[in-house]
């Protein structure tokens, strides 16, 4: 089952992120299957060679994963960015998520992923509670970025 667990050792934190199964974005499937819980998510688009490309990584508190994934993956709900809307209209979109109720855990996990995926982006901050943050992930479909 998807979720995030944590173990603290000597001022460091070790997170284990268990992702949901990777799913093709469909507004009806998202409404029916994604929980209305807080958590972290990743959204991908499929390129011409059948490779998944990271589109978005984020967290959600209010409204939960269901409403945020619905909003992010539906071109009809994309009103501000034409480039994003074009990708949503023309590409196959996929998503996965991992629920957690802790805003601090979400901050640490998203910070870790942003450091890994976009190290030049320094705008995302962690919770500040730990000296070091470590993370491992697992997914039923074997899509793993962090060994």
Protein backbone atom coordinates (compact mmCIF):
# COMPACT_ATOMS: atom_id res chain seq x y z
CA UNK A 1 0.00 0.00 0.00
CA UNK A 2 1.25 3.47 -0.89
CA UNK A 3 2.53 5.71 1.89
CA UNK A 4 5.60 7.23 3.50
CA UNK A 5 7.39 5.89 6.55
CA UNK A 6 10.25 7.49 8.45
CA UNK A 7 13.01 6.41 10.81
CA UNK A 8 15.05 8.95 12.75
CA UNK A 9 18.63 8.14 13.74
CA UNK A 10 21.02 10.53 15.47
CA UNK A 11 19.50 13.71 14.05
CA UNK A 12 19.08 12.29 10.53
CA UNK A 13 15.86 11.10 8.90
CA UNK A 14 15.42 8.13 6.60
CA UNK A 15 12.23 8.17 4.53
CA UNK A 16 10.79 5.25 2.61
CA UNK A 17 8.31 6.29 -0.09
CA UNK A 18 6.01 3.55 -1.33
CA UNK A 19 4.35 4.84 -4.52
CA UNK A 20 0.95 3.88 -5.83
CA UNK A 21 0.87 2.02 -9.13
CA UNK A 22 1.61 4.26 -12.08
CA UNK A 23 -1.74 5.10 -13.72
CA UNK A 24 -2.78 6.76 -16.94
CA UNK A 25 -4.53 10.03 -16.17
CA UNK A 26 -8.26 9.88 -16.74
CA UNK A 27 -10.59 12.27 -14.94
CA UNK A 28 -13.11 9.55 -14.10
CA UNK A 29 -10.49 7.08 -12.88
CA UNK A 30 -8.84 9.74 -10.72
CA UNK A 31 -12.19 10.63 -9.14
CA UNK A 32 -13.00 6.96 -8.53
CA UNK A 33 -9.62 5.64 -7.36
CA UNK A 34 -7.35 8.36 -5.94
CA UNK A 35 -7.91 9.06 -2.23
CA UNK A 36 -8.84 12.53 -0.98
CA UNK A 37 -5.80 12.51 1.34
CA UNK A 38 -2.77 14.74 1.67
CA UNK A 39 0.42 13.48 0.07
CA UNK A 40 3.10 13.80 -2.59
CA UNK A 41 2.75 13.04 -6.29
CA UNK A 42 4.58 12.83 -9.58
CA UNK A 43 3.07 13.42 -13.02
CA UNK A 44 4.68 12.26 -16.28
CA UNK A 45 4.05 12.53 -20.02
CA UNK A 46 4.89 9.83 -22.54
CA UNK A 47 7.26 10.81 -25.34
CA UNK A 48 7.24 9.49 -28.91
CA UNK A 49 9.62 6.65 -27.99
CA UNK A 50 7.41 5.44 -25.14
CA UNK A 51 9.56 6.92 -22.37
CA UNK A 52 8.03 8.69 -19.42
CA UNK A 53 9.19 12.27 -18.87
CA UNK A 54 8.76 14.00 -15.52
CA UNK A 55 6.13 16.72 -15.84
CA UNK A 56 5.41 17.72 -12.23
CA UNK A 57 6.36 16.78 -8.69
CA UNK A 58 4.49 18.23 -5.78
CA UNK A 59 2.52 17.96 -2.58
CA UNK A 60 -1.00 18.69 -1.60
CA UNK A 61 -2.70 19.35 1.70
CA UNK A 62 -6.10 20.88 1.16
CA UNK A 63 -8.46 19.01 -1.12
CA UNK A 64 -6.11 16.07 -1.23
CA UNK A 65 -4.45 14.04 -3.91
CA UNK A 66 -7.67 13.39 -5.81
CA UNK A 67 -8.50 17.01 -6.54
CA UNK A 68 -4.90 18.09 -7.19
CA UNK A 69 -4.15 15.27 -9.62
CA UNK A 70 -7.46 15.92 -11.35
CA UNK A 71 -6.58 19.62 -11.68
CA UNK A 72 -3.00 19.07 -12.87
CA UNK A 73 -3.75 16.39 -15.47
CA UNK A 74 -6.86 17.81 -17.14
CA UNK A 75 -6.29 20.24 -20.05
CA UNK A 76 -9.78 21.69 -19.52
CA UNK A 77 -8.71 22.88 -16.07
CA UNK A 78 -5.40 24.35 -17.31
CA UNK A 79 -6.14 28.02 -17.93
CA UNK A 80 -2.88 29.91 -17.38
CA UNK A 81 -0.15 28.15 -19.33
CA UNK A 82 -0.54 27.35 -23.05
CA UNK A 83 2.61 25.19 -23.15
CA UNK A 84 1.31 23.03 -20.30
CA UNK A 85 -2.14 22.83 -21.85
CA UNK A 86 -0.62 21.68 -25.16
CA UNK A 87 1.27 18.84 -23.43
CA UNK A 88 -1.88 17.79 -21.57
CA UNK A 89 -3.90 17.78 -24.80
CA UNK A 90 -1.36 16.04 -27.02
CA UNK A 91 0.51 13.61 -24.77
CA UNK A 92 -0.39 10.59 -22.72
CA UNK A 93 -0.25 11.68 -19.05
CA UNK A 94 0.60 9.33 -16.17
CA UNK A 95 0.69 9.85 -12.39
CA UNK A 96 1.51 8.21 -9.09
CA UNK A 97 1.19 9.29 -5.48
CA UNK A 98 2.10 8.50 -1.89
CA UNK A 99 -0.18 9.69 0.91
CA UNK A 100 0.99 11.22 4.19
CA UNK A 101 -0.75 13.46 6.70
CA UNK A 102 2.40 15.31 7.76
CA UNK A 103 3.24 18.68 6.22
CA UNK A 104 6.81 18.32 7.56
CA UNK A 105 7.23 14.92 5.90
CA UNK A 106 5.89 16.31 2.60
CA UNK A 107 8.33 19.25 2.82
CA UNK A 108 11.29 16.95 3.39
CA UNK A 109 10.32 14.48 0.66
CA UNK A 110 9.59 17.14 -1.96
CA UNK A 111 12.82 18.95 -1.06
CA UNK A 112 14.73 15.68 -1.52
CA UNK A 113 13.15 15.00 -4.93
CA UNK A 114 13.72 18.56 -6.11
CA UNK A 115 17.39 18.31 -5.10
CA UNK A 116 17.62 15.08 -7.11
CA UNK A 117 15.61 16.16 -10.18
CA UNK A 118 16.27 19.91 -10.33
CA UNK A 119 19.35 20.74 -8.21
CA UNK A 120 19.49 24.26 -9.66
CA UNK A 121 16.08 25.05 -8.11
CA UNK A 122 16.76 26.30 -4.60
CA UNK A 123 13.29 27.69 -3.93
CA UNK A 124 11.99 24.54 -2.20
CA UNK A 125 12.88 24.24 1.49
CA UNK A 126 12.80 21.22 3.77
CA UNK A 127 11.25 21.23 7.23
CA UNK A 128 14.55 22.14 8.89
CA UNK A 129 14.11 19.46 11.55
CA UNK A 130 16.98 17.18 10.52
CA UNK A 131 20.64 17.57 9.71
CA UNK A 132 20.46 15.07 6.82
CA UNK A 133 17.58 13.66 4.82
CA UNK A 134 17.83 10.27 3.14
CA UNK A 135 15.20 8.61 0.98
CA UNK A 136 14.51 5.30 -0.70
CA UNK A 137 11.50 4.55 -2.83
CA UNK A 138 9.57 1.54 -4.02
CA UNK A 139 6.92 1.21 -6.69
CA UNK A 140 4.85 -1.74 -7.90
CA UNK A 141 5.78 -0.96 -11.51
CA UNK A 142 9.53 -0.63 -10.74
CA UNK A 143 9.76 3.06 -11.77
CA UNK A 144 12.42 4.10 -9.26
CA UNK A 145 14.55 7.25 -9.44
CA UNK A 146 16.26 6.97 -6.05
CA UNK A 147 18.02 3.62 -5.46
